[in-house]
Amino acid sequence: MNWNSFGEAVLPFLRAFLIGGGLCVIAQILVDKTKMTPARILVLYVVAGVLLGAVGLYARLADLGGAGATVPLTGFGYLISKGVQEAVEEKGLSGALTGPLTAAAGGTAAALVFGYLVALVCKGKAKD
């Protein structure tokens, strides 16, 4: 493997790391420097993903950063906005209600199933 092909293979991972890491750094700064609760920061990230997706900016970020942009909560917001846009184009205004549910159904179902499987295997402990 020559250096150019190695660089082409590593570059997508580097971009995903930098973009995903940048989103995490912003969230950590918000936790450390503001009085915002983590729950409010999570909501802020989802809403930011929806708004950036609605105006078409998050699609560029997702193309550039891959999983570094689509896996965090901003990516969930982007998925919701993308689902709404596609469903409204296809079904009209009623798609605004069904689009986000349809777009996020696969990921939500996977999270529930794997969370349940982990709960079956692991023993939970009460916090002291």
C-alpha atoms as a PDB file:
ATOM      1  CA  MET A   1       0.000   0.000   0.000  1.00  0.00           C
ATOM      2  CA  ASN A   2       1.483   3.324  -0.997  1.00  0.00           C
ATOM      3  CA  TRP A   3       1.194   6.557   0.991  1.00  0.00           C
ATOM      4  CA  ASN A   4      -1.557   8.064  -1.221  1.00  0.00           C
ATOM      5  CA  SER A   5      -3.877   5.087  -0.871  1.00  0.00           C
ATOM      6  CA  PHE A   6      -3.202   5.005   2.876  1.00  0.00           C
ATOM      7  CA  GLY A   7      -4.121   8.675   3.138  1.00  0.00           C
ATOM      8  CA  GLU A   8      -7.310   8.139   1.136  1.00  0.00           C
ATOM      9  CA  ALA A   9      -8.265   5.255   3.436  1.00  0.00           C
ATOM     10  CA  VAL A  10      -7.585   7.182   6.654  1.00  0.00           C
ATOM     11  CA  LEU A  11      -9.015  10.575   5.648  1.00  0.00           C
ATOM     12  CA  PRO A  12     -12.730   9.689   6.169  1.00  0.00           C
ATOM     13  CA  PHE A  13     -11.950   8.440   9.679  1.00  0.00           C
ATOM     14  CA  LEU A  14      -9.959  11.571  10.466  1.00  0.00           C
ATOM     15  CA  ARG A  15     -12.769  13.840   9.262  1.00  0.00           C
ATOM     16  CA  ALA A  16     -15.341  11.866  11.278  1.00  0.00           C
ATOM     17  CA  PHE A  17     -13.134  12.104  14.361  1.00  0.00           C
ATOM     18  CA  LEU A  18     -12.570  15.843  13.985  1.00  0.00           C
ATOM     19  CA  ILE A  19     -16.213  16.735  13.319  1.00  0.00           C
ATOM     20  CA  GLY A  20     -17.646  14.410  15.964  1.00  0.00           C
ATOM     21  CA  GLY A  21     -14.952  15.488  18.405  1.00  0.00           C
ATOM     22  CA  GLY A  22     -15.681  19.135  17.645  1.00  0.00           C
ATOM     23  CA  LEU A  23     -19.339  18.614  18.487  1.00  0.00           C
ATOM     24  CA  CYS A  24     -18.314  16.953  21.745  1.00  0.00           C
ATOM     25  CA  VAL A  25     -15.920  19.800  22.579  1.00  0.00           C
ATOM     26  CA  ILE A  26     -18.707  22.351  22.082  1.00  0.00           C
ATOM     27  CA  ALA A  27     -21.001  20.354  24.385  1.00  0.00           C
ATOM     28  CA  GLN A  28     -18.275  20.044  27.022  1.00  0.00           C
ATOM     29  CA  ILE A  29     -17.636  23.787  26.913  1.00  0.00           C
ATOM     30  CA  LEU A  30     -21.363  24.374  27.401  1.00  0.00           C
ATOM     31  CA  VAL A  31     -21.351  22.017  30.402  1.00  0.00           C
ATOM     32  CA  ASP A  32     -18.267  23.642  31.957  1.00  0.00           C
ATOM     33  CA  LYS A  33     -18.880  27.325  31.226  1.00  0.00           C
ATOM     34  CA  THR A  34     -22.665  27.700  31.487  1.00  0.00           C
ATOM     35  CA  LYS A  35     -25.309  26.706  33.979  1.00  0.00           C
ATOM     36  CA  MET A  36     -27.148  24.656  31.341  1.00  0.00           C
ATOM     37  CA  THR A  37     -28.099  21.160  32.410  1.00  0.00           C
ATOM     38  CA  PRO A  38     -27.002  18.238  30.232  1.00  0.00           C
ATOM     39  CA  ALA A  39     -30.644  17.646  29.293  1.00  0.00           C
ATOM     40  CA  ARG A  40     -30.955  21.190  27.933  1.00  0.00           C
ATOM     41  CA  ILE A  41     -27.742  20.779  25.979  1.00  0.00           C
ATOM     42  CA  LEU A  42     -29.092  17.559  24.449  1.00  0.00           C
ATOM     43  CA  VAL A  43     -32.285  19.334  23.421  1.00  0.00           C
ATOM     44  CA  LEU A  44     -30.219  22.224  22.043  1.00  0.00           C
ATOM     45  CA  TYR A  45     -28.217  19.784  19.916  1.00  0.00           C
ATOM     46  CA  VAL A  46     -31.317  18.078  18.517  1.00  0.00           C
ATOM     47  CA  VAL A  47     -32.943  21.431  17.704  1.00  0.00           C
ATOM     48  CA  ALA A  48     -29.708  22.692  16.127  1.00  0.00           C
ATOM     49  CA  GLY A  49     -29.622  19.569  13.934  1.00  0.00           C
ATOM     50  CA  VAL A  50     -33.234  20.146  12.878  1.00  0.00           C
ATOM     51  CA  LEU A  51     -32.636  23.807  12.041  1.00  0.00           C
ATOM     52  CA  LEU A  52     -29.352  23.192  10.209  1.00  0.00           C
ATOM     53  CA  GLY A  53     -30.965  20.306   8.335  1.00  0.00           C
ATOM     54  CA  ALA A  54     -33.975  22.424   7.379  1.00  0.00           C
ATOM     55  CA  VAL A  55     -31.799  25.102   5.771  1.00  0.00           C
ATOM     56  CA  GLY A  56     -29.558  22.533   4.061  1.00  0.00           C
ATOM     57  CA  LEU A  57     -26.327  23.125   5.981  1.00  0.00           C
ATOM     58  CA  TYR A  58     -26.226  19.863   7.925  1.00  0.00           C
ATOM     59  CA  ALA A  59     -26.295  17.762   4.754  1.00  0.00           C
ATOM     60  CA  ARG A  60     -22.929  19.241   3.783  1.00  0.00           C
ATOM     61  CA  LEU A  61     -21.545  18.550   7.236  1.00  0.00           C
ATOM     62  CA  ALA A  62     -22.852  14.960   7.099  1.00  0.00           C
ATOM     63  CA  ASP A  63     -21.265  14.430   3.676  1.00  0.00           C
ATOM     64  CA  LEU A  64     -17.959  15.749   4.977  1.00  0.00           C
ATOM     65  CA  GLY A  65     -17.900  14.107   8.404  1.00  0.00           C
ATOM     66  CA  GLY A  66     -19.830  10.892   7.842  1.00  0.00           C
ATOM     67  CA  ALA A  67     -20.575   9.151  11.138  1.00  0.00           C
ATOM     68  CA  GLY A  68     -18.886  11.976  13.045  1.00  0.00           C
ATOM     69  CA  ALA A  69     -21.808  14.171  12.040  1.00  0.00           C
ATOM     70  CA  THR A  70     -24.680  11.684  11.791  1.00  0.00           C
ATOM     71  CA  VAL A  71     -24.241   9.725  15.029  1.00  0.00           C
ATOM     72  CA  PRO A  72     -24.379  12.580  17.612  1.00  0.00           C
ATOM     73  CA  LEU A  73     -27.687  14.126  18.648  1.00  0.00           C
ATOM     74  CA  THR A  74     -27.349  16.827  16.016  1.00  0.00           C
ATOM     75  CA  GLY A  75     -27.471  13.994  13.484  1.00  0.00           C
ATOM     76  CA  PHE A  76     -30.741  12.803  15.032  1.00  0.00           C
ATOM     77  CA  GLY A  77     -32.181  16.287  14.571  1.00  0.00           C
ATOM     78  CA  TYR A  78     -30.950  16.294  10.982  1.00  0.00           C
ATOM     79  CA  LEU A  79     -32.599  12.912  10.406  1.00  0.00           C
ATOM     80  CA  ILE A  80     -35.898  14.282  11.703  1.00  0.00           C
ATOM     81  CA  SER A  81     -35.760  17.344   9.435  1.00  0.00           C
ATOM     82  CA  LYS A  82     -34.816  15.199   6.448  1.00  0.00           C
ATOM     83  CA  GLY A  83     -37.709  12.838   7.180  1.00  0.00           C
ATOM     84  CA  VAL A  84     -40.152  15.748   7.361  1.00  0.00           C
ATOM     85  CA  GLN A  85     -38.921  17.236   4.081  1.00  0.00           C
ATOM     86  CA  GLU A  86     -39.175  13.943   2.209  1.00  0.00           C
ATOM     87  CA  ALA A  87     -42.601  13.064   3.638  1.00  0.00           C
ATOM     88  CA  VAL A  88     -44.052  16.515   2.909  1.00  0.00           C
ATOM     89  CA  GLU A  89     -42.852  16.255  -0.702  1.00  0.00           C
ATOM     90  CA  GLU A  90     -44.411  12.807  -0.972  1.00  0.00           C
ATOM     91  CA  LYS A  91     -47.636  13.077   1.081  1.00  0.00           C
ATOM     92  CA  GLY A  92     -48.246  16.783   1.506  1.00  0.00           C
ATOM     93  CA  LEU A  93     -48.749  18.500   4.838  1.00  0.00           C
ATOM     94  CA  SER A  94     -49.722  15.294   6.646  1.00  0.00           C
ATOM     95  CA  GLY A  95     -46.148  14.119   6.022  1.00  0.00           C
ATOM     96  CA  ALA A  96     -44.979  16.636   8.615  1.00  0.00           C
ATOM     97  CA  LEU A  97     -46.453  14.335  11.262  1.00  0.00           C
ATOM     98  CA  THR A  98     -45.433  10.973   9.836  1.00  0.00           C
ATOM     99  CA  GLY A  99     -42.034  11.868   8.354  1.00  0.00           C
ATOM    100  CA  PRO A 100     -39.968  12.094  11.542  1.00  0.00           C
ATOM    101  CA  LEU A 101     -41.454   8.879  12.902  1.00  0.00           C
ATOM    102  CA  THR A 102     -40.733   6.965   9.723  1.00  0.00           C
ATOM    103  CA  ALA A 103     -37.211   8.372   9.352  1.00  0.00           C
ATOM    104  CA  ALA A 104     -36.169   7.583  12.914  1.00  0.00           C
ATOM    105  CA  ALA A 105     -37.992   4.265  13.328  1.00  0.00           C
ATOM    106  CA  GLY A 106     -35.052   2.001  12.439  1.00  0.00           C
ATOM    107  CA  GLY A 107     -32.560   3.629  14.794  1.00  0.00           C
ATOM    108  CA  THR A 108     -35.078   3.914  17.606  1.00  0.00           C
ATOM    109  CA  ALA A 109     -36.094   0.271  17.283  1.00  0.00           C
ATOM    110  CA  ALA A 110     -32.451  -0.841  17.262  1.00  0.00           C
ATOM    111  CA  ALA A 111     -31.706   1.221  20.391  1.00  0.00           C
ATOM    112  CA  LEU A 112     -34.686  -0.292  22.201  1.00  0.00           C
ATOM    113  CA  VAL A 113     -33.863  -3.875  21.208  1.00  0.00           C
ATOM    114  CA  PHE A 114     -30.165  -3.647  22.075  1.00  0.00           C
ATOM    115  CA  GLY A 115     -30.923  -1.776  25.296  1.00  0.00           C
ATOM    116  CA  TYR A 116     -33.315  -4.541  26.300  1.00  0.00           C
ATOM    117  CA  LEU A 117     -30.756  -7.250  25.450  1.00  0.00           C
ATOM    118  CA  VAL A 118     -28.096  -5.505  27.540  1.00  0.00           C
ATOM    119  CA  ALA A 119     -30.582  -5.185  30.420  1.00  0.00           C
ATOM    120  CA  LEU A 120     -31.148  -8.940  30.267  1.00  0.00           C
ATOM    121  CA  VAL A 121     -27.428  -9.686  30.473  1.00  0.00           C
ATOM    122  CA  CYS A 122     -26.249  -7.027  32.925  1.00  0.00           C
ATOM    123  CA  LYS A 123     -27.316  -6.495  36.493  1.00  0.00           C
ATOM    124  CA  GLY A 124     -28.230  -2.952  37.421  1.00  0.00           C
ATOM    125  CA  LYS A 125     -27.207  -1.414  40.725  1.00  0.00           C
ATOM    126  CA  ALA A 126     -28.892   1.345  42.669  1.00  0.00           C
ATOM    127  CA  LYS A 127     -26.896   4.555  42.998  1.00  0.00           C
ATOM    128  CA  ASP A 128     -25.832   5.404  46.542  1.00  0.00           C
END
